[in-house]
Amino acid sequence: MKRLDGKIAIVTGSSSGIGKAIALRFAQEGATVVVAARRFYKCEETVAQIESAGGRAWALQTDIADESQVEQLMAETIRRHQRLDILVNNAGIFGGRRLGETSTDAFDEVMRTNVRGTFFCCRTVFGYMKKQGGGTIINMSSVAGVQAWSGTGTYSASKHAVMALTKSLADEGRAYRIKVSALCPGGVADELVDATPDARAAGEKIDPFDIAEAALYLACLGRQAVVHQLVVDRLGADW
C-alpha cells in the first residue's frame, strides 16, 4: 500500500521547482494532487507528468495573493473530493536587495505573496479541516526564516512571518487534530527539477526531490506525531 493512498493534497506553486517535485512525489505515493499555480500551462505540464506515471492530478490556476482565487481553489477541491487531507503552502517569491536599496513596491510584492498568500491559504483550509476532524498543513519557510543575512532582509522578514503563522496555527489546530509544520530548505536547485538524477546529484545545491522527501515525511507522520519545524540545509552551509 502506498503511503498517501486515498489522500487529497493541494500543492501551491507546483508548476515548477520544489512544488513540482512535491506534487510528483506525493502522486507516486498515491495521493490525488491538486496542482495550483499562476501559470496554468505549467500546471498542466505537471499534471501530464503525474498522469503519465499512473498518478492522479488536476490543475487549477491560482494566484495565492488573490483571496478570491484561494477560496475558489479550496471550494473546488472540496466539491470534487468532499475532503482535503494535506495542504502544502509552497508558492512564494524571492525579492528585495539590501534594505536600503529595496523599493516599497518590491517589499510589498514579497509580503503580498509570501505572507498574505500563505495566510489566505491557511485561514481558508483550516475551516474545512476543522469540520472534517483533522488534516496536515505544511508551510514552506526557509533557512532565511530562522536566520537572516545581508541582502535577504525582505525575503527573510516574509519567511519569519511564515514561521509565526505556522506556530500560531499549530497551537490553534491541536484541539482539532490539524497538524501544522514549517519546512525550511536552504539553497535548492529549483531549475533542476526536470533534470536526471545524475545531473541533480552533480550540482552544488540541494536536490528538489530531497525537499519533496522531507515534505512526504511530514505528511506521513503517525496520528500522534507532529514536527513543528524541519530545517534541510545545504551541506557545508554556514548559518
Protein backbone atom coordinates (compact mmCIF):
# COMPACT_ATOMS: atom_id res chain seq x y z
CA MET A 1 0.00 0.00 0.00
CA LYS A 2 1.29 3.43 -0.90
CA ARG A 3 1.74 5.87 1.96
CA LEU A 4 -0.71 8.51 0.70
CA ASP A 5 -3.35 6.24 -0.83
CA GLY A 6 -6.73 7.94 -0.74
CA LYS A 7 -5.36 11.30 0.37
CA ILE A 8 -6.26 14.58 -1.31
CA ALA A 9 -3.41 17.09 -1.40
CA ILE A 10 -3.16 20.66 -2.65
CA VAL A 11 0.35 21.84 -3.50
CA THR A 12 0.60 25.53 -4.33
CA GLY A 13 3.38 26.74 -6.59
CA SER A 14 3.60 23.24 -8.03
CA SER A 15 4.14 24.18 -11.66
CA SER A 16 7.92 24.14 -11.18
CA GLY A 17 10.75 23.76 -8.68
CA ILE A 18 10.20 22.40 -5.17
CA GLY A 19 6.42 22.45 -5.53
CA LYS A 20 6.53 20.35 -8.66
CA ALA A 21 8.87 17.86 -7.00
CA ILE A 22 6.46 17.57 -4.06
CA ALA A 23 3.46 17.12 -6.37
CA LEU A 24 5.23 14.38 -8.31
CA ARG A 25 6.39 12.60 -5.16
CA PHE A 26 3.01 12.78 -3.43
CA ALA A 27 1.35 11.35 -6.53
CA GLN A 28 3.86 8.49 -6.59
CA GLU A 29 2.70 7.65 -3.08
CA GLY A 30 -0.94 7.51 -4.12
CA ALA A 31 -2.28 10.99 -3.36
CA THR A 32 -4.63 12.81 -5.70
CA VAL A 33 -2.79 16.09 -6.21
CA VAL A 34 -4.31 19.47 -6.94
CA VAL A 35 -1.66 21.39 -8.88
CA ALA A 36 -2.12 25.10 -8.20
CA ALA A 37 0.00 27.95 -9.54
CA ARG A 38 -0.26 31.15 -11.58
CA ARG A 39 0.99 29.67 -14.85
CA PHE A 40 -1.76 27.30 -15.91
CA TYR A 41 0.12 25.79 -18.85
CA LYS A 42 2.92 24.82 -16.47
CA CYS A 43 0.37 23.32 -14.07
CA GLU A 44 -0.94 21.22 -16.94
CA GLU A 45 2.61 20.02 -17.65
CA THR A 46 2.94 18.82 -14.05
CA VAL A 47 -0.44 17.07 -14.26
CA ALA A 48 0.59 15.39 -17.51
CA GLN A 49 3.78 14.05 -15.90
CA ILE A 50 1.83 12.70 -12.96
CA GLU A 51 -0.78 11.03 -15.15
CA SER A 52 1.82 9.56 -17.50
CA ALA A 53 3.33 7.81 -14.48
CA GLY A 54 -0.07 6.41 -13.48
CA GLY A 55 -0.94 9.02 -10.84
CA ARG A 56 -3.97 11.24 -10.32
CA ALA A 57 -3.94 15.04 -10.50
CA TRP A 58 -5.79 18.05 -11.80
CA ALA A 59 -4.84 21.71 -12.20
CA LEU A 60 -6.38 24.98 -11.18
CA GLN A 61 -4.77 28.32 -12.00
CA THR A 62 -4.32 30.12 -8.68
CA ASP A 63 -2.57 33.27 -7.55
CA ILE A 64 -2.43 32.82 -3.78
CA ALA A 65 -2.12 36.58 -3.32
CA ASP A 66 -5.72 36.85 -4.57
CA GLU A 67 -8.08 35.94 -1.74
CA SER A 68 -10.95 35.03 -4.06
CA GLN A 69 -8.78 32.64 -6.07
CA VAL A 70 -7.65 30.89 -2.89
CA GLU A 71 -11.26 30.47 -1.80
CA GLN A 72 -12.12 29.08 -5.23
CA LEU A 73 -9.22 26.61 -5.03
CA MET A 74 -10.36 25.24 -1.69
CA ALA A 75 -14.06 25.19 -2.58
CA GLU A 76 -13.47 23.39 -5.89
CA THR A 77 -11.25 20.81 -4.18
CA ILE A 78 -13.95 20.09 -1.59
CA ARG A 79 -16.64 19.99 -4.29
CA ARG A 80 -14.74 17.35 -6.24
CA HIS A 81 -13.44 15.23 -3.37
CA GLN A 82 -15.54 16.12 -0.29
CA ARG A 83 -12.36 16.48 1.76
CA LEU A 84 -8.82 17.86 1.83
CA ASP A 85 -6.16 15.96 3.76
CA ILE A 86 -2.94 17.86 3.01
CA LEU A 87 -2.12 21.44 2.07
CA VAL A 88 1.44 22.34 1.08
CA ASN A 89 1.83 26.12 1.03
CA ASN A 90 4.81 26.22 -1.28
CA ALA A 91 4.07 29.20 -3.55
CA GLY A 92 6.40 32.11 -2.89
CA ILE A 93 8.80 34.57 -4.45
CA PHE A 94 12.21 35.98 -3.67
CA GLY A 95 12.68 39.71 -3.81
CA GLY A 96 14.38 42.73 -2.37
CA ARG A 97 18.05 43.54 -2.09
CA ARG A 98 19.85 45.29 0.75
CA LEU A 99 17.18 47.00 2.80
CA GLY A 100 18.45 50.47 1.97
CA GLU A 101 18.10 49.65 -1.73
CA THR A 102 14.71 47.90 -1.61
CA SER A 103 11.75 49.77 -3.02
CA THR A 104 8.40 49.83 -1.28
CA ASP A 105 6.83 48.09 -4.28
CA ALA A 106 9.38 45.27 -4.11
CA PHE A 107 8.82 44.87 -0.38
CA ASP A 108 5.04 44.83 -0.79
CA GLU A 109 5.17 42.28 -3.61
CA VAL A 110 7.11 39.79 -1.49
CA MET A 111 4.84 40.27 1.50
CA ARG A 112 1.72 40.02 -0.63
CA THR A 113 2.67 36.58 -1.92
CA ASN A 114 4.73 35.02 0.86
CA VAL A 115 2.78 36.28 3.86
CA ARG A 116 -0.73 37.27 2.72
CA GLY A 117 -0.91 34.33 0.33
CA THR A 118 0.14 31.83 2.98
CA PHE A 119 -2.32 33.46 5.41
CA PHE A 120 -5.19 33.20 2.90
CA CYS A 121 -4.47 29.52 2.26
CA CYS A 122 -4.10 28.64 5.95
CA ARG A 123 -7.21 30.51 7.01
CA THR A 124 -9.38 29.04 4.28
CA VAL A 125 -8.29 25.42 4.63
CA PHE A 126 -8.36 25.50 8.43
CA GLY A 127 -12.13 25.77 8.45
CA TYR A 128 -12.52 22.78 6.15
CA MET A 129 -10.08 20.64 8.12
CA LYS A 130 -11.75 21.59 11.40
CA LYS A 131 -15.11 20.33 10.09
CA GLN A 132 -13.67 17.05 8.80
CA GLY A 133 -11.77 16.30 12.02
CA GLY A 134 -8.15 16.94 11.08
CA GLY A 135 -5.55 17.39 8.38
CA THR A 136 -1.97 18.40 7.66
CA ILE A 137 -0.68 21.83 6.67
CA ILE A 138 2.95 22.22 5.56
CA ASN A 139 4.13 25.80 5.18
CA MET A 140 7.26 26.34 3.10
CA SER A 141 9.53 28.66 5.03
CA SER A 142 13.31 28.74 4.55
CA VAL A 143 16.57 28.77 6.44
CA ALA A 144 16.04 32.52 5.92
CA GLY A 145 13.00 32.09 8.16
CA VAL A 146 15.18 31.13 11.11
CA GLN A 147 18.19 33.30 10.23
CA ALA A 148 18.92 36.37 8.10
CA TRP A 149 21.85 37.74 6.14
CA SER A 150 22.79 40.92 4.35
CA GLY A 151 20.69 41.27 1.22
CA THR A 152 17.92 38.93 2.41
CA GLY A 153 16.03 41.31 4.71
CA THR A 154 12.74 41.45 2.80
CA TYR A 155 12.65 37.75 1.97
CA SER A 156 13.77 36.80 5.49
CA ALA A 157 11.12 39.04 7.02
CA SER A 158 8.45 37.28 4.96
CA LYS A 159 9.68 33.82 5.91
CA HIS A 160 9.98 34.75 9.59
CA ALA A 161 6.34 35.79 9.32
CA VAL A 162 5.51 32.37 7.83
CA MET A 163 7.17 30.77 10.87
CA ALA A 164 4.99 32.86 13.19
CA LEU A 165 1.84 31.94 11.27
CA THR A 166 2.86 28.29 11.44
CA LYS A 167 3.48 28.28 15.18
CA SER A 168 0.24 30.11 15.94
CA LEU A 169 -1.85 27.88 13.68
CA ALA A 170 -0.23 24.74 15.11
CA ASP A 171 -1.33 25.84 18.57
CA GLU A 172 -4.85 26.61 17.34
CA GLY A 173 -5.08 23.33 15.43
CA ARG A 174 -4.15 20.90 18.18
CA ALA A 175 -7.69 20.60 19.51
CA TYR A 176 -8.93 19.66 16.02
CA ARG A 177 -6.15 17.23 15.07
CA ILE A 178 -4.81 19.67 12.50
CA LYS A 179 -1.03 19.32 12.24
CA VAL A 180 0.89 22.38 11.07
CA SER A 181 4.58 22.24 10.20
CA ALA A 182 7.19 24.56 8.72
CA LEU A 183 9.66 23.15 6.21
CA CYS A 184 12.80 25.29 5.96
CA PRO A 185 15.08 24.49 2.99
CA GLY A 186 18.44 26.02 2.22
CA GLY A 187 19.64 26.62 -1.34
CA VAL A 188 17.66 24.33 -3.64
CA ALA A 189 18.32 23.62 -7.32
CA ASP A 190 14.79 24.54 -8.41
CA GLU A 191 15.85 24.69 -12.03
CA LEU A 192 16.90 21.01 -11.98
CA VAL A 193 13.52 19.55 -11.06
CA ASP A 194 13.20 18.02 -14.54
CA ALA A 195 16.86 17.01 -14.81
CA THR A 196 18.15 13.46 -14.47
CA PRO A 197 19.04 12.15 -11.00
CA ASP A 198 22.71 12.17 -12.01
CA ALA A 199 22.53 15.80 -13.08
CA ARG A 200 20.87 16.78 -9.81
CA ALA A 201 23.42 14.84 -7.79
CA ALA A 202 26.28 16.60 -9.59
CA GLY A 203 25.04 20.05 -8.55
CA GLU A 204 26.14 22.03 -5.53
CA LYS A 205 22.62 22.86 -4.37
CA ILE A 206 20.02 20.69 -2.67
CA ASP A 207 18.12 18.29 -4.92
CA PRO A 208 14.46 19.47 -5.01
CA PHE A 209 13.40 15.86 -4.52
CA ASP A 210 15.21 15.84 -1.18
CA ILE A 211 12.81 18.57 -0.09
CA ALA A 212 9.94 16.54 -1.53
CA GLU A 213 11.03 13.61 0.64
CA ALA A 214 11.03 15.89 3.68
CA ALA A 215 7.50 17.05 2.83
CA LEU A 216 6.42 13.42 2.38
CA TYR A 217 7.85 12.58 5.80
CA LEU A 218 5.80 15.36 7.39
CA ALA A 219 2.68 14.23 5.53
CA CYS A 220 3.08 10.60 6.63
CA LEU A 221 3.68 11.03 10.35
CA GLY A 222 1.56 8.86 12.61
CA ARG A 223 -1.59 10.10 14.26
CA GLN A 224 0.14 11.14 17.49
CA ALA A 225 3.28 12.71 15.98
CA VAL A 226 3.96 16.19 14.65
CA VAL A 227 7.15 18.02 13.65
CA HIS A 228 6.78 21.75 14.07
CA GLN A 229 9.93 22.82 12.21
CA LEU A 230 12.21 20.92 9.84
CA VAL A 231 15.38 22.55 8.50
CA VAL A 232 17.04 20.99 5.45
CA ASP A 233 20.20 22.89 4.67
CA ARG A 234 22.93 22.58 2.08
CA LEU A 235 25.91 20.53 3.22
CA GLY A 236 28.67 22.87 4.35
CA ALA A 237 26.41 25.91 4.66
CA ASP A 238 27.32 28.33 7.42
CA TRP A 239 24.20 29.66 9.09
